[in-house]
Protein backbone atom coordinates (compact mmCIF):
# COMPACT_ATOMS: atom_id res chain seq x y z
CA UNK A 1 -16.86 -8.53 1.85
CA UNK A 2 -14.62 -11.04 4.01
CA UNK A 3 -11.03 -11.05 3.34
CA UNK A 4 -9.88 -14.22 1.25
CA UNK A 5 -9.26 -17.24 3.66
CA UNK A 6 -6.24 -18.17 3.92
CA UNK A 7 -3.97 -21.05 1.83
CA UNK A 8 -4.47 -24.27 4.93
CA UNK A 9 -4.63 -27.98 3.24
CA UNK A 10 -7.13 -30.11 4.58
CA UNK A 11 -7.15 -33.90 4.96
CA UNK A 12 -7.24 -35.94 1.71
CA UNK A 13 -10.86 -36.63 2.89
CA UNK A 14 -11.58 -32.64 2.07
CA UNK A 15 -10.04 -31.97 -1.08
CA UNK A 16 -12.76 -31.19 -4.37
CA UNK A 17 -11.66 -32.62 -7.92
CA UNK A 18 -12.51 -30.05 -10.55
CA UNK A 19 -15.78 -32.02 -11.08
CA UNK A 20 -16.52 -31.15 -7.95
CA UNK A 21 -14.81 -27.31 -7.50
CA UNK A 22 -17.83 -26.94 -10.70
CA UNK A 23 -20.30 -28.11 -9.36
CA UNK A 24 -20.25 -25.51 -6.22
CA UNK A 25 -19.60 -22.71 -8.28
CA UNK A 26 -21.16 -22.61 -11.18
CA UNK A 27 -24.72 -21.49 -9.95
CA UNK A 28 -23.08 -18.49 -8.32
CA UNK A 29 -20.60 -18.25 -12.23
CA UNK A 30 -23.04 -20.19 -15.03
CA UNK A 31 -19.33 -19.01 -17.13
CA UNK A 32 -17.72 -20.91 -15.51
CA UNK A 33 -15.17 -24.04 -16.94
CA UNK A 34 -12.73 -26.83 -15.72
CA UNK A 35 -10.85 -24.45 -18.74
CA UNK A 36 -10.98 -21.39 -17.05
CA UNK A 37 -9.96 -23.10 -13.91
CA UNK A 38 -6.67 -24.33 -15.13
CA UNK A 39 -6.70 -20.41 -16.72
CA UNK A 40 -7.29 -19.12 -13.25
CA UNK A 41 -4.48 -21.46 -11.42
CA UNK A 42 -1.61 -20.10 -14.03
CA UNK A 43 -2.73 -17.01 -13.60
CA UNK A 44 -1.49 -17.48 -9.78
CA UNK A 45 -4.84 -16.59 -8.40
CA UNK A 46 -5.01 -20.16 -6.86
CA UNK A 47 -2.26 -23.86 -6.08
CA UNK A 48 -4.40 -26.55 -6.22
CA UNK A 49 -2.61 -29.78 -4.29
CA UNK A 50 -1.70 -32.45 -7.13
CA UNK A 51 -2.37 -36.55 -6.72
CA UNK A 52 0.39 -39.16 -7.21
CA UNK A 53 -1.30 -39.08 -10.93
CA UNK A 54 -1.05 -36.36 -11.48
CA UNK A 55 -4.84 -34.98 -10.67
CA UNK A 56 -5.49 -31.09 -9.59
CA UNK A 57 -7.56 -30.87 -5.73
CA UNK A 58 -8.71 -28.30 -3.95
CA UNK A 59 -9.27 -28.05 -0.34
CA UNK A 60 -11.98 -25.79 1.59
CA UNK A 61 -10.24 -22.82 1.15
CA UNK A 62 -9.08 -23.05 -2.30
CA UNK A 63 -12.75 -22.76 -3.13
CA UNK A 64 -13.65 -19.38 -1.28
CA UNK A 65 -11.11 -18.35 -2.66
CA UNK A 66 -11.77 -18.53 -6.04
CA UNK A 67 -15.50 -16.94 -5.25
CA UNK A 68 -13.57 -14.50 -3.91
CA UNK A 69 -11.31 -14.04 -7.15
CA UNK A 70 -14.61 -14.94 -9.60
CA UNK A 71 -16.54 -12.25 -7.79
CA UNK A 72 -14.33 -9.17 -8.00
CA UNK A 73 -14.00 -10.25 -12.27
CA UNK A 74 -17.88 -10.28 -12.12
CA UNK A 75 -18.58 -7.38 -9.75
CA UNK A 76 -16.11 -4.96 -10.39
CA UNK A 77 -14.27 -5.55 -13.83
CA UNK A 78 -10.81 -6.04 -11.70
CA UNK A 79 -7.61 -7.27 -13.72
CA UNK A 80 -6.71 -10.74 -12.44
CA UNK A 81 -2.49 -8.94 -11.69
CA UNK A 82 -5.52 -6.48 -9.12
CA UNK A 83 -7.45 -9.43 -7.92
CA UNK A 84 -3.29 -11.49 -7.05
CA UNK A 85 -1.72 -8.75 -5.33
CA UNK A 86 -4.82 -9.04 -3.53
CA UNK A 87 -4.61 -12.63 -2.73
CA UNK A 88 -1.04 -12.10 -1.85
CA UNK A 89 -1.26 -9.14 0.70
CA UNK A 90 -4.44 -11.60 2.55
CA UNK A 91 -1.57 -14.52 2.68
CA UNK A 92 1.13 -12.33 3.81
CA UNK A 93 -1.43 -11.05 6.38
CA UNK A 94 -1.35 -7.44 5.80
CA UNK A 95 -4.93 -7.68 6.46
CA UNK A 96 -5.82 -5.18 2.61
CA UNK A 97 -8.76 -3.34 2.24
CA UNK A 98 -11.06 -4.77 -0.40
CA UNK A 99 -10.63 -3.80 -4.07
CA UNK A 100 -13.53 -1.45 -5.51
CA UNK A 101 -13.03 -1.23 -9.65
CA UNK A 102 -10.27 0.90 -9.12
CA UNK A 103 -10.32 1.72 -12.77
CA UNK A 104 -9.12 -1.75 -14.72
CA UNK A 105 -9.83 0.84 -17.81
CA UNK A 106 -8.35 3.57 -16.71
CA UNK A 107 -5.20 2.17 -14.31
CA UNK A 108 -1.51 1.69 -16.32
CA UNK A 109 -0.81 -1.59 -15.39
CA UNK A 110 2.47 -2.15 -13.13
CA UNK A 111 5.38 -1.89 -14.91
CA UNK A 112 8.37 -3.14 -12.94
CA UNK A 113 12.37 -1.47 -13.52
CA UNK A 114 15.45 -4.34 -13.32
CA UNK A 115 15.89 -4.19 -9.82
CA UNK A 116 12.61 -4.12 -8.54
CA UNK A 117 11.87 -7.14 -10.89
CA UNK A 118 14.40 -8.79 -9.28
CA UNK A 119 13.25 -8.49 -5.80
CA UNK A 120 9.31 -9.47 -6.81
CA UNK A 121 11.23 -12.16 -7.68
CA UNK A 122 13.41 -13.53 -5.84
CA UNK A 123 16.40 -13.49 -8.44
CA UNK A 124 19.51 -13.38 -9.27
CA UNK A 125 20.89 -10.77 -11.46
CA UNK A 126 22.74 -13.33 -13.27
CA UNK A 127 19.61 -16.06 -13.78
CA UNK A 128 18.15 -12.59 -15.48
CA UNK A 129 21.06 -11.63 -17.56
CA UNK A 130 20.79 -15.01 -18.90
CA UNK A 131 17.50 -15.62 -19.46
CA UNK A 132 17.21 -12.84 -21.55
CA UNK A 133 20.40 -13.53 -23.45
CA UNK A 134 18.43 -16.82 -24.51
CA UNK A 135 16.05 -15.12 -25.55
CA UNK A 136 13.30 -16.22 -22.27
CA UNK A 137 12.48 -12.31 -21.21
CA UNK A 138 12.92 -9.91 -23.80
CA UNK A 139 14.76 -7.82 -22.67
CA UNK A 140 13.71 -4.48 -22.13
CA UNK A 141 13.45 -0.82 -19.71
CA UNK A 142 10.54 -1.79 -17.29
CA UNK A 143 8.64 -4.87 -17.16
CA UNK A 144 4.79 -6.64 -16.74
CA UNK A 145 3.44 -8.91 -13.78
CA UNK A 146 3.24 -11.23 -16.72
CA UNK A 147 7.66 -10.96 -16.23
CA UNK A 148 7.34 -11.29 -12.77
CA UNK A 149 5.64 -14.64 -12.64
CA UNK A 150 7.84 -16.16 -15.55
CA UNK A 151 11.39 -14.73 -13.78
CA UNK A 152 10.08 -17.15 -10.37
CA UNK A 153 9.42 -20.23 -11.72
CA UNK A 154 12.72 -19.43 -13.78
CA UNK A 155 13.67 -18.67 -10.32
CA UNK A 156 11.95 -22.94 -9.08
CA UNK A 157 14.07 -24.11 -11.60
CA UNK A 158 17.58 -23.58 -11.54
CA UNK A 159 17.50 -24.76 -7.76
CA UNK A 160 17.18 -28.43 -10.07
CA UNK A 161 19.49 -27.24 -12.27
CA UNK A 162 17.43 -26.18 -14.95
CA UNK A 163 18.72 -23.36 -16.83
CA UNK A 164 16.86 -20.95 -19.29
CA UNK A 165 18.71 -22.12 -22.02
CA UNK A 166 17.10 -24.95 -21.26
CA UNK A 167 13.60 -23.85 -21.50
CA UNK A 168 14.20 -21.16 -24.78
CA UNK A 169 12.66 -23.98 -27.09
CA UNK A 170 9.32 -23.31 -24.59
CA UNK A 171 9.00 -19.80 -26.03
CA UNK A 172 9.29 -21.14 -29.04
CA UNK A 173 6.46 -23.66 -29.24
CA UNK A 174 4.41 -20.71 -27.21
CA UNK A 175 4.40 -18.96 -30.22
CA UNK A 176 3.91 -22.23 -31.54
CA UNK A 177 0.20 -22.55 -29.57
CA UNK A 178 -0.63 -18.46 -29.95
CA UNK A 179 0.01 -19.01 -33.84
CA UNK A 180 -3.17 -21.78 -32.74
CA UNK A 181 -5.06 -19.99 -31.48
CA UNK A 182 -4.81 -16.96 -33.72
CA UNK A 183 -5.83 -18.94 -36.18
CA UNK A 184 -8.39 -20.44 -34.31
CA UNK A 185 -9.59 -16.61 -33.61
CA UNK A 186 -9.37 -15.04 -37.32
CA UNK A 187 -12.74 -15.32 -37.78
CA UNK A 188 -13.48 -13.57 -34.04
CA UNK A 189 -10.49 -10.85 -35.17
CA UNK A 190 -11.23 -9.89 -38.49
CA UNK A 191 -14.38 -8.60 -37.22
CA UNK A 192 -14.49 -4.85 -36.20
CA UNK A 193 -17.11 -5.19 -34.44
CA UNK A 194 -16.16 -4.60 -29.89
CA UNK A 195 -18.54 -7.83 -29.49
CA UNK A 196 -15.90 -9.30 -31.65
CA UNK A 197 -13.20 -8.92 -30.56
CA UNK A 198 -14.81 -9.53 -26.85
CA UNK A 199 -15.51 -12.83 -27.88
CA UNK A 200 -12.21 -13.22 -28.76
CA UNK A 201 -10.60 -12.33 -25.29
CA UNK A 202 -12.36 -14.52 -23.63
CA UNK A 203 -12.05 -17.64 -25.86
CA UNK A 204 -8.40 -16.68 -26.17
CA UNK A 205 -7.61 -18.23 -22.28
CA UNK A 206 -10.02 -21.23 -23.09
CA UNK A 207 -8.46 -22.58 -25.74
CA UNK A 208 -4.48 -21.77 -24.51
CA UNK A 209 -5.61 -23.70 -21.78
CA UNK A 210 -6.45 -26.58 -23.10
CA UNK A 211 -3.44 -26.21 -25.32
CA UNK A 212 -1.74 -26.42 -22.21
CA UNK A 213 -3.43 -29.18 -20.68
CA UNK A 214 -2.95 -31.20 -23.90
CA UNK A 215 1.36 -30.41 -23.24
CA UNK A 216 0.82 -31.19 -19.85
CA UNK A 217 -0.53 -34.60 -20.51
CA UNK A 218 1.54 -35.81 -23.27
CA UNK A 219 4.83 -34.81 -20.35
CA UNK A 220 3.34 -36.73 -18.24
CA UNK A 221 3.22 -39.65 -20.47
CA UNK A 222 6.97 -38.83 -21.04
CA UNK A 223 7.54 -39.05 -17.16
CA UNK A 224 5.72 -41.74 -16.40
CA UNK A 225 7.56 -43.56 -18.77
CA UNK A 226 10.81 -42.69 -18.11
CA UNK A 227 9.54 -43.57 -13.81
CA UNK A 228 8.09 -46.80 -15.67
């Protein structure tokens, strides 16, 4: 399997819209949708550029990165955390061996102790303390990959003066959105068969991505009003 391409950015004329990416990838991955692409972006698999109007644009390198990630998911049943770690190693020039079906079913997800979490996220201890005290991050003995991603985001926001206490309401809003998703999937979740649970697991991130799209549009409208 070829290594993932680096994240170089070509001239704007070489960039692709979501529709163009779907046109190139859906023959290989028929279940792929714009919501799935946004979900892969949220999970750190790909980072498209944005136009001044906020539209996503993908480079040819992004396209190949998506193709590799989707292939690893489809053919080897790998979780996104494993795929993301592999791509991060490629980005860092480590030339890792391609992952195989290292058992996503049997291997427990990686957990991070406090110091490992701080190192992985590049965060200061006080920022983590603030995030825990405001309820943005739940204090624990060990932390998940999602917490690493969240703390990295808090680090980036903190550089602009946006502190954990400022985003506490986003946590509350996320809980409400999760309740909406749960309500929408209630019929599937009540069924005891594995197929229904699998279908619910597939639909949940799709619905979450749709809600995220609505929220993004609302924020963009508010920012446009602010700048007008």
